[in-house]
Amino acid sequence: MLQYLLKQLCLVFVLMVLAMAAQAQTVEAEGSAPIDGPVGVAKRLALQDAIRQALIQSSATVSTTTVMSLRGVVSDNVRFTARGRVTGVVVLDEWSDEGNYYVRIRAQVPGGGGVASASLTPGLLSPSRAEAISTFSGLEYRRKLAVTQFHVLDRTQISDLPDIEISLARELKRRLDNTGKVRTVDASQYLVPLAGQDLMSQRRILGALPPATDAGQVATEFAESLGVQFIVTGVIRDMGTTKHLLGMRIRHLELDLTVHDGITGEEVARHRINESVETIGVFDAPITTPVLNDKFYASPLGQKVDRVLNKLVSMLVNDLDTQPFAARVLRTEGNKVFFDAGGTANVKVGDVLSTYRLASAFLNDLSGQRSLGTPERASATLIVTQVQRLFSVGELDSETARLSPGDVIRFEP
């Protein structure tokens, strides 16, 4: 019995020691970055470097590789690995000189194994800052979009292509997914109204919102309900057949594609593709669903549709690369913020993002007939402290700033 109690006491003691070692500790660290362009970029990179230096103070692992020859050292590589989660980041000071920007922070880091300083043994290379100070354009973030059902201007032209307006949206989504550069939502069951049509959405039908003045407002409602940053809508303008002499037939393929920012409602891109296919006799197209099958793609029309879809995918990816990455606030706990972008969007611990509070109403032009978007007000800087697959958690660098669900998190180079 006594031996059993002694074992239990030893186990408790070991657990207490491990818990004490794992407790967070407060450290101060300084980061820097060269001012090679906008000062805002240098500030963000310096802050990321300071966060990295804080981690190095607490839990750095150093590995070295030295290659020798008869002439001496050929190469001397030093690798630093710092793991853990930084929380409670507070910017103590920031300044710049002629060529660099500096940030000093205080932060909570995991309890380390006795490492109290980031200083290194003389003669060793300093931790490589190539990753920290490289220009980060935001292209690494994967924007999220929804592809909605295509409008059809003349349904008699697609009688031989059942549900082509839905199939095109789903195939466009699938090919966008295959690029690995964006995240998509299948919204092929939804038909976002065009400008000039009756602007109605489910929320308006339920009486939750007043009448819309343009398609951009409805796009923001769809984006909010689907949890996406962009809404993609398409129009089949012409898929008719024109007969010519000597039995020649021309099948037209004219498509429009529009991208709306789901936060502001602004139209950020519009494309029109006008192609045609020539053949003798009738077009051999499937009359059963799914219409975009192997038989269809083997036909002249199917081959043209295949090339057009690839072109649209390339256009969309390029369009989104020019737009800033943004996400929505899900909830807040003091200065801790949960937002709807995580590992699948390539968000990483230590990322530094900007936050904005959105006004409760759209701003219209002088005539009151057209929405110009939702006014927003800069709030504070957000430092990502935790990343899950579909969401992330960050902490504001201000004790007084407050955000609400629906407010915006944005990357700004």
Protein backbone atom coordinates (compact mmCIF):
# COMPACT_ATOMS: atom_id res chain seq x y z
CA MET A 1 0.00 0.00 0.00
CA LEU A 2 2.81 2.42 0.92
CA GLN A 3 4.62 1.62 -2.31
CA TYR A 4 1.42 2.38 -4.29
CA LEU A 5 1.03 5.77 -2.56
CA LEU A 6 4.65 6.64 -3.27
CA LYS A 7 4.12 5.86 -6.98
CA GLN A 8 1.03 8.05 -7.02
CA LEU A 9 2.88 10.92 -5.35
CA CYS A 10 5.73 10.62 -7.83
CA LEU A 11 3.26 10.72 -10.70
CA VAL A 12 1.59 13.84 -9.31
CA PHE A 13 4.98 15.49 -8.86
CA VAL A 14 5.99 14.73 -12.46
CA LEU A 15 2.69 16.12 -13.77
CA MET A 16 3.16 19.29 -11.70
CA VAL A 17 6.66 19.79 -13.10
CA LEU A 18 5.41 19.29 -16.66
CA ALA A 19 2.53 21.70 -16.11
CA MET A 20 4.90 24.35 -14.73
CA ALA A 21 7.18 23.90 -17.75
CA ALA A 22 4.24 24.26 -20.10
CA GLN A 23 2.92 27.44 -18.52
CA ALA A 24 3.05 30.53 -20.67
CA GLN A 25 5.62 33.15 -19.92
CA THR A 26 5.77 36.84 -20.80
CA VAL A 27 8.59 37.93 -23.06
CA GLU A 28 9.57 41.05 -24.91
CA ALA A 29 11.00 40.84 -28.40
CA GLU A 30 12.04 43.15 -31.18
CA GLY A 31 11.57 42.64 -34.88
CA SER A 32 12.73 44.54 -37.92
CA ALA A 33 12.23 44.66 -41.66
CA PRO A 34 13.74 46.73 -44.46
CA ILE A 35 11.63 49.53 -45.92
CA ASP A 36 11.78 48.47 -49.56
CA GLY A 37 8.33 49.80 -50.45
CA PRO A 38 5.25 50.98 -48.57
CA VAL A 39 5.90 51.59 -44.87
CA GLY A 40 2.80 49.55 -44.01
CA VAL A 41 4.38 46.43 -45.52
CA ALA A 42 7.59 46.94 -43.54
CA LYS A 43 5.57 47.46 -40.33
CA ARG A 44 3.65 44.23 -40.81
CA LEU A 45 6.79 42.24 -41.61
CA ALA A 46 8.60 43.73 -38.61
CA LEU A 47 5.70 42.71 -36.37
CA GLN A 48 5.80 39.17 -37.78
CA ASP A 49 9.54 39.09 -37.15
CA ALA A 50 9.02 40.22 -33.55
CA ILE A 51 6.49 37.43 -33.02
CA ARG A 52 8.97 34.95 -34.45
CA GLN A 53 11.72 36.28 -32.18
CA ALA A 54 9.41 35.89 -29.17
CA LEU A 55 8.89 32.24 -30.06
CA ILE A 56 12.62 31.72 -30.51
CA GLN A 57 13.19 33.04 -26.98
CA SER A 58 10.85 30.46 -25.53
CA SER A 59 11.21 27.31 -27.59
CA ALA A 60 13.88 27.55 -30.28
CA THR A 61 15.54 24.45 -31.63
CA VAL A 62 18.85 25.00 -33.43
CA SER A 63 20.31 22.50 -35.88
CA THR A 64 23.55 23.07 -37.80
CA THR A 65 25.05 21.39 -40.84
CA THR A 66 28.70 22.04 -41.73
CA VAL A 67 30.35 20.66 -44.86
CA MET A 68 34.16 20.53 -44.76
CA SER A 69 36.78 20.09 -47.47
CA LEU A 70 40.56 20.26 -47.56
CA ARG A 71 40.24 23.98 -48.17
CA GLY A 72 38.07 24.51 -45.13
CA VAL A 73 34.36 25.09 -44.65
CA VAL A 74 32.37 24.73 -47.85
CA SER A 75 28.98 25.52 -46.36
CA ASP A 76 27.65 26.28 -42.91
CA ASN A 77 23.87 26.12 -42.55
CA VAL A 78 21.96 27.00 -39.41
CA ARG A 79 18.27 26.21 -39.07
CA PHE A 80 16.05 27.63 -36.35
CA THR A 81 12.69 26.06 -35.54
CA ALA A 82 10.29 27.70 -33.10
CA ARG A 83 6.97 26.10 -32.30
CA GLY A 84 4.10 27.23 -30.18
CA ARG A 85 1.34 29.79 -30.04
CA VAL A 86 1.84 33.47 -29.33
CA THR A 87 -0.98 35.22 -27.46
CA GLY A 88 -1.55 38.54 -25.78
CA VAL A 89 0.62 40.46 -28.23
CA VAL A 90 0.97 44.14 -27.28
CA VAL A 91 2.99 46.58 -29.38
CA LEU A 92 5.22 48.50 -26.96
CA ASP A 93 7.02 50.70 -29.43
CA GLU A 94 7.65 51.14 -33.12
CA TRP A 95 10.15 53.34 -34.96
CA SER A 96 12.13 53.55 -38.15
CA ASP A 97 15.46 54.79 -39.41
CA GLU A 98 16.57 55.49 -42.94
CA GLY A 99 16.24 51.94 -44.18
CA ASN A 100 14.43 49.77 -41.60
CA TYR A 101 11.25 49.60 -39.55
CA TYR A 102 11.32 48.27 -35.97
CA VAL A 103 8.61 46.94 -33.68
CA ARG A 104 8.96 45.92 -30.05
CA ILE A 105 6.27 43.72 -28.50
CA ARG A 106 5.31 42.01 -25.28
CA ALA A 107 3.63 38.63 -25.67
CA GLN A 108 2.67 35.39 -23.95
CA VAL A 109 4.60 32.40 -25.27
CA PRO A 110 4.79 28.74 -24.27
CA GLY A 111 7.07 27.99 -21.33
CA GLY A 112 10.42 26.99 -22.71
CA GLY A 113 13.33 24.91 -21.65
CA GLY A 114 15.35 27.68 -20.06
CA VAL A 115 15.95 29.77 -23.18
CA ALA A 116 15.87 33.34 -21.90
CA SER A 117 17.33 35.27 -24.81
CA ALA A 118 17.30 35.33 -28.55
CA SER A 119 21.00 36.16 -28.70
CA LEU A 120 23.17 33.57 -30.46
CA THR A 121 26.62 32.14 -29.95
CA PRO A 122 29.21 34.38 -31.63
CA GLY A 123 30.26 33.04 -35.01
CA LEU A 124 26.92 31.43 -35.80
CA LEU A 125 24.66 32.86 -38.45
CA SER A 126 21.70 34.80 -37.09
CA PRO A 127 18.24 33.29 -37.63
CA SER A 128 17.36 33.57 -41.28
CA ARG A 129 14.84 36.33 -41.80
CA ALA A 130 14.35 35.63 -45.45
CA GLU A 131 10.88 34.22 -44.76
CA ALA A 132 9.95 37.07 -42.44
CA ILE A 133 11.03 39.95 -44.63
CA SER A 134 10.08 38.55 -48.01
CA THR A 135 7.35 40.53 -49.67
CA PHE A 136 3.99 38.95 -48.87
CA SER A 137 1.42 40.08 -51.40
CA GLY A 138 -1.57 38.23 -50.01
CA LEU A 139 -1.78 36.00 -53.09
CA GLU A 140 -1.11 33.02 -50.81
CA TYR A 141 -4.51 33.47 -49.20
CA ARG A 142 -7.29 31.49 -50.88
CA ARG A 143 -10.35 33.65 -51.48
CA LYS A 144 -13.77 32.07 -51.12
CA LEU A 145 -16.46 32.44 -53.76
CA ALA A 146 -19.86 31.06 -54.71
CA VAL A 147 -20.76 30.23 -58.31
CA THR A 148 -24.48 30.72 -58.94
CA GLN A 149 -26.75 29.42 -61.66
CA PHE A 150 -26.40 30.99 -65.11
CA HIS A 151 -29.21 33.15 -66.45
CA VAL A 152 -30.64 32.13 -69.84
CA LEU A 153 -31.88 34.87 -72.13
CA ASP A 154 -33.57 32.51 -74.60
CA ARG A 155 -34.50 29.07 -73.32
CA THR A 156 -35.50 27.81 -76.77
CA GLN A 157 -31.80 27.85 -77.67
CA ILE A 158 -30.89 25.26 -75.02
CA SER A 159 -33.76 22.78 -75.46
CA ASP A 160 -31.20 20.14 -76.50
CA LEU A 161 -29.01 20.91 -73.46
CA PRO A 162 -31.19 20.23 -70.40
CA ASP A 163 -30.12 22.11 -67.24
CA ILE A 164 -27.04 23.51 -68.96
CA GLU A 165 -27.38 26.66 -66.82
CA ILE A 166 -26.85 24.55 -63.68
CA SER A 167 -24.22 22.24 -65.20
CA LEU A 168 -22.06 25.17 -66.31
CA ALA A 169 -22.05 26.62 -62.79
CA ARG A 170 -21.13 23.30 -61.19
CA GLU A 171 -18.42 22.54 -63.73
CA LEU A 172 -16.95 26.02 -63.29
CA LYS A 173 -16.88 25.43 -59.53
CA ARG A 174 -15.18 22.05 -59.96
CA ARG A 175 -12.46 23.44 -62.19
CA LEU A 176 -11.85 26.36 -59.86
CA ASP A 177 -11.40 23.88 -57.00
CA ASN A 178 -8.87 21.96 -59.07
CA THR A 179 -6.63 25.03 -59.35
CA GLY A 180 -6.06 24.94 -55.57
CA LYS A 181 -5.99 28.74 -55.55
CA VAL A 182 -9.54 29.47 -54.37
CA ARG A 183 -12.25 27.96 -52.18
CA THR A 184 -15.71 27.55 -53.64
CA VAL A 185 -19.30 26.96 -52.64
CA ASP A 186 -21.84 25.29 -54.93
CA ALA A 187 -24.62 27.87 -55.30
CA SER A 188 -25.96 26.52 -58.59
CA GLN A 189 -29.43 26.27 -57.03
CA TYR A 190 -29.52 30.06 -56.63
CA LEU A 191 -30.26 32.59 -59.35
CA VAL A 192 -28.97 36.02 -58.38
CA PRO A 193 -31.12 38.66 -60.12
CA LEU A 194 -29.63 40.77 -62.86
CA ALA A 195 -29.67 44.55 -62.77
CA GLY A 196 -33.08 45.77 -63.87
CA GLN A 197 -34.87 42.61 -62.79
CA ASP A 198 -37.07 42.29 -59.74
CA LEU A 199 -34.44 42.39 -57.02
CA MET A 200 -35.62 39.89 -54.48
CA SER A 201 -33.96 37.49 -52.10
CA GLN A 202 -35.20 35.14 -49.43
CA ARG A 203 -34.51 37.71 -46.71
CA ARG A 204 -36.56 40.30 -48.58
CA ILE A 205 -39.39 37.83 -49.15
CA LEU A 206 -39.52 37.26 -45.39
CA GLY A 207 -39.73 41.00 -44.83
CA ALA A 208 -36.37 41.24 -43.10
CA LEU A 209 -35.07 43.87 -45.49
CA PRO A 210 -36.48 46.82 -47.44
CA PRO A 211 -36.64 46.67 -51.27
CA ALA A 212 -33.23 46.51 -52.95
CA THR A 213 -32.10 49.16 -55.41
CA ASP A 214 -29.52 47.10 -57.31
CA ALA A 215 -28.09 43.61 -57.74
CA GLY A 216 -25.05 44.46 -55.62
CA GLN A 217 -27.16 44.64 -52.46
CA VAL A 218 -28.66 41.22 -53.16
CA ALA A 219 -25.16 39.85 -53.85
CA THR A 220 -24.02 40.92 -50.38
CA GLU A 221 -26.99 39.12 -48.82
CA PHE A 222 -26.19 35.92 -50.71
CA ALA A 223 -22.51 36.24 -49.78
CA GLU A 224 -23.33 36.71 -46.11
CA SER A 225 -25.69 33.72 -46.02
CA LEU A 226 -23.25 31.49 -47.93
CA GLY A 227 -20.18 32.65 -46.01
CA VAL A 228 -18.19 33.74 -49.07
CA GLN A 229 -16.23 36.80 -50.14
CA PHE A 230 -17.33 36.89 -53.79
CA ILE A 231 -20.43 36.01 -55.80
CA VAL A 232 -20.00 34.84 -59.40
CA THR A 233 -22.98 35.10 -61.73
CA GLY A 234 -23.21 34.12 -65.39
CA VAL A 235 -25.50 34.71 -68.35
CA ILE A 236 -26.02 32.51 -71.39
CA ARG A 237 -26.63 35.26 -73.90
CA ASP A 238 -26.66 33.15 -77.04
CA MET A 239 -26.44 29.42 -77.72
CA GLY A 240 -28.58 29.49 -80.84
CA THR A 241 -27.88 27.99 -84.25
CA THR A 242 -27.57 29.94 -87.47
CA LYS A 243 -28.09 28.18 -90.82
CA HIS A 244 -25.96 29.05 -93.83
CA LEU A 245 -25.74 27.91 -97.43
CA LEU A 246 -24.61 24.41 -98.36
CA GLY A 247 -25.95 22.97 -95.11
CA MET A 248 -23.42 24.76 -92.91
CA ARG A 249 -24.63 25.45 -89.38
CA ILE A 250 -23.03 27.73 -86.79
CA ARG A 251 -23.71 27.15 -83.09
CA HIS A 252 -23.06 30.28 -81.05
CA LEU A 253 -21.66 30.38 -77.53
CA GLU A 254 -21.87 33.82 -75.96
CA LEU A 255 -21.47 33.99 -72.18
CA ASP A 256 -21.21 36.80 -69.63
CA LEU A 257 -19.53 36.38 -66.26
CA THR A 258 -19.73 38.91 -63.42
CA VAL A 259 -17.97 38.95 -60.05
CA HIS A 260 -19.45 40.90 -57.12
CA ASP A 261 -17.63 41.68 -53.89
CA GLY A 262 -19.80 40.06 -51.26
CA ILE A 263 -18.96 42.66 -48.61
CA THR A 264 -19.38 45.91 -50.52
CA GLY A 265 -21.66 44.67 -53.31
CA GLU A 266 -19.33 46.28 -55.84
CA GLU A 267 -18.93 44.71 -59.26
CA VAL A 268 -15.20 43.94 -59.42
CA ALA A 269 -14.98 42.13 -62.76
CA ARG A 270 -17.05 41.46 -65.86
CA HIS A 271 -16.19 39.29 -68.88
CA ARG A 272 -17.89 38.36 -72.14
CA ILE A 273 -16.82 35.44 -74.29
CA ASN A 274 -18.20 35.06 -77.81
CA GLU A 275 -17.31 31.85 -79.62
CA SER A 276 -18.91 29.72 -82.32
CA VAL A 277 -18.70 26.22 -83.76
CA GLU A 278 -19.25 25.31 -87.40
CA THR A 279 -20.58 21.94 -88.56
CA ILE A 280 -22.47 20.33 -91.39
CA GLY A 281 -25.82 18.86 -90.45
CA VAL A 282 -27.36 18.88 -86.99
CA PHE A 283 -25.47 19.24 -83.75
CA ASP A 284 -25.19 15.92 -81.98
CA ALA A 285 -25.77 16.99 -78.38
CA PRO A 286 -27.07 14.95 -75.43
CA ILE A 287 -30.68 15.33 -74.41
CA THR A 288 -30.29 13.78 -70.96
CA THR A 289 -28.60 14.96 -67.81
CA PRO A 290 -25.87 15.39 -66.86
CA VAL A 291 -25.37 17.28 -70.05
CA LEU A 292 -21.61 17.81 -69.61
CA ASN A 293 -20.66 14.16 -70.11
CA ASP A 294 -17.96 12.41 -72.14
CA LYS A 295 -20.13 12.23 -75.26
CA PHE A 296 -20.75 15.98 -75.09
CA TYR A 297 -17.06 16.83 -74.64
CA ALA A 298 -16.21 14.64 -77.64
CA SER A 299 -18.45 16.77 -79.88
CA PRO A 300 -17.26 20.00 -81.57
CA LEU A 301 -19.55 22.05 -79.31
CA GLY A 302 -18.33 20.21 -76.22
CA GLN A 303 -14.69 20.84 -77.12
CA LYS A 304 -15.46 24.54 -77.49
CA VAL A 305 -17.30 24.64 -74.15
CA ASP A 306 -14.34 22.88 -72.53
CA ARG A 307 -11.93 25.56 -73.78
CA VAL A 308 -14.29 28.37 -72.78
CA LEU A 309 -14.61 26.98 -69.24
CA ASN A 310 -10.83 26.81 -68.89
CA LYS A 311 -10.57 30.39 -70.09
CA LEU A 312 -13.20 31.53 -67.58
CA VAL A 313 -11.34 29.77 -64.75
CA SER A 314 -8.12 31.55 -65.68
CA MET A 315 -9.92 34.90 -65.83
CA LEU A 316 -11.56 34.39 -62.44
CA VAL A 317 -8.32 33.37 -60.71
CA ASN A 318 -6.59 36.44 -62.11
CA ASP A 319 -9.52 38.66 -61.07
CA LEU A 320 -9.43 37.43 -57.47
CA ASP A 321 -5.65 37.78 -57.24
CA THR A 322 -6.11 41.53 -57.68
CA GLN A 323 -8.65 41.75 -54.85
CA PRO A 324 -7.67 41.97 -51.17
CA PHE A 325 -8.31 38.89 -49.07
CA ALA A 326 -11.15 39.38 -46.59
CA ALA A 327 -13.10 37.40 -44.02
CA ARG A 328 -16.01 38.01 -41.65
CA VAL A 329 -16.03 38.26 -37.88
CA LEU A 330 -18.02 35.39 -36.37
CA ARG A 331 -17.91 36.38 -32.71
CA THR A 332 -15.75 38.20 -30.19
CA GLU A 333 -14.66 37.68 -26.60
CA GLY A 334 -13.11 40.91 -25.38
CA ASN A 335 -10.19 41.59 -27.69
CA LYS A 336 -10.24 37.99 -28.98
CA VAL A 337 -11.82 37.69 -32.44
CA PHE A 338 -13.09 34.58 -34.23
CA PHE A 339 -13.32 34.87 -38.03
CA ASP A 340 -14.40 32.59 -40.88
CA ALA A 341 -11.09 31.79 -42.59
CA GLY A 342 -8.68 29.12 -41.41
CA GLY A 343 -6.15 26.63 -42.60
CA THR A 344 -8.00 25.94 -45.86
CA ALA A 345 -7.56 29.64 -46.68
CA ASN A 346 -3.80 29.46 -45.86
CA VAL A 347 -4.17 31.65 -42.78
CA LYS A 348 -1.23 31.11 -40.41
CA VAL A 349 -0.41 31.88 -36.79
CA GLY A 350 1.41 35.20 -36.64
CA ASP A 351 -0.37 36.70 -39.65
CA VAL A 352 -1.16 40.37 -39.18
CA LEU A 353 -4.49 41.58 -40.58
CA SER A 354 -6.50 44.78 -40.53
CA THR A 355 -10.01 45.02 -39.10
CA TYR A 356 -12.92 47.24 -40.11
CA ARG A 357 -16.29 48.03 -38.64
CA LEU A 358 -19.13 48.11 -41.16
CA ALA A 359 -21.96 50.62 -41.12
CA SER A 360 -25.46 49.24 -40.71
CA ALA A 361 -26.78 50.66 -44.00
CA PHE A 362 -25.67 51.02 -47.62
CA LEU A 363 -24.54 54.37 -48.96
CA ASN A 364 -26.45 55.44 -52.08
CA ASP A 365 -25.56 57.95 -54.77
CA LEU A 366 -27.14 61.41 -54.92
CA SER A 367 -30.15 60.12 -56.83
CA GLY A 368 -30.69 57.41 -54.24
CA GLN A 369 -31.12 54.86 -57.04
CA ARG A 370 -27.75 53.13 -56.90
CA SER A 371 -25.87 51.68 -53.95
CA LEU A 372 -22.19 52.66 -53.66
CA GLY A 373 -21.39 50.06 -50.99
CA THR A 374 -21.20 49.83 -47.23
CA PRO A 375 -19.15 52.47 -45.39
CA GLU A 376 -16.44 51.01 -43.19
CA ARG A 377 -14.18 52.38 -40.50
CA ALA A 378 -10.69 51.12 -39.67
CA SER A 379 -10.62 49.60 -36.20
CA ALA A 380 -7.39 47.88 -35.13
CA THR A 381 -4.68 45.42 -36.12
CA LEU A 382 -5.42 41.73 -35.60
CA ILE A 383 -2.68 39.18 -34.86
CA VAL A 384 -3.64 35.58 -35.60
CA THR A 385 -3.01 33.35 -32.59
CA GLN A 386 -4.85 30.14 -33.47
CA VAL A 387 -5.82 28.50 -36.75
CA GLN A 388 -8.37 25.74 -37.21
CA ARG A 389 -9.37 24.23 -40.53
CA LEU A 390 -12.34 26.52 -41.23
CA PHE A 391 -11.82 29.40 -38.81
CA SER A 392 -9.12 31.30 -36.98
CA VAL A 393 -8.74 33.26 -33.76
CA GLY A 394 -6.82 36.48 -33.37
CA GLU A 395 -6.23 39.19 -30.83
CA LEU A 396 -6.63 42.92 -31.40
CA ASP A 397 -3.62 45.10 -30.60
CA SER A 398 -5.93 47.58 -28.87
CA GLU A 399 -7.67 47.13 -25.52
CA THR A 400 -10.45 49.53 -26.48
CA ALA A 401 -11.26 48.42 -30.05
CA ARG A 402 -14.37 46.32 -30.41
CA LEU A 403 -15.78 44.39 -33.35
CA SER A 404 -19.17 42.83 -34.01
CA PRO A 405 -20.24 39.74 -35.97
CA GLY A 406 -20.25 40.61 -39.66
CA ASP A 407 -17.40 43.11 -39.43
CA VAL A 408 -14.47 42.64 -41.79
CA ILE A 409 -10.97 41.16 -41.43
CA ARG A 410 -8.77 42.12 -44.37
CA PHE A 411 -5.22 41.66 -45.56
CA GLU A 412 -3.72 44.89 -46.86
CA PRO A 413 -0.24 44.91 -48.42
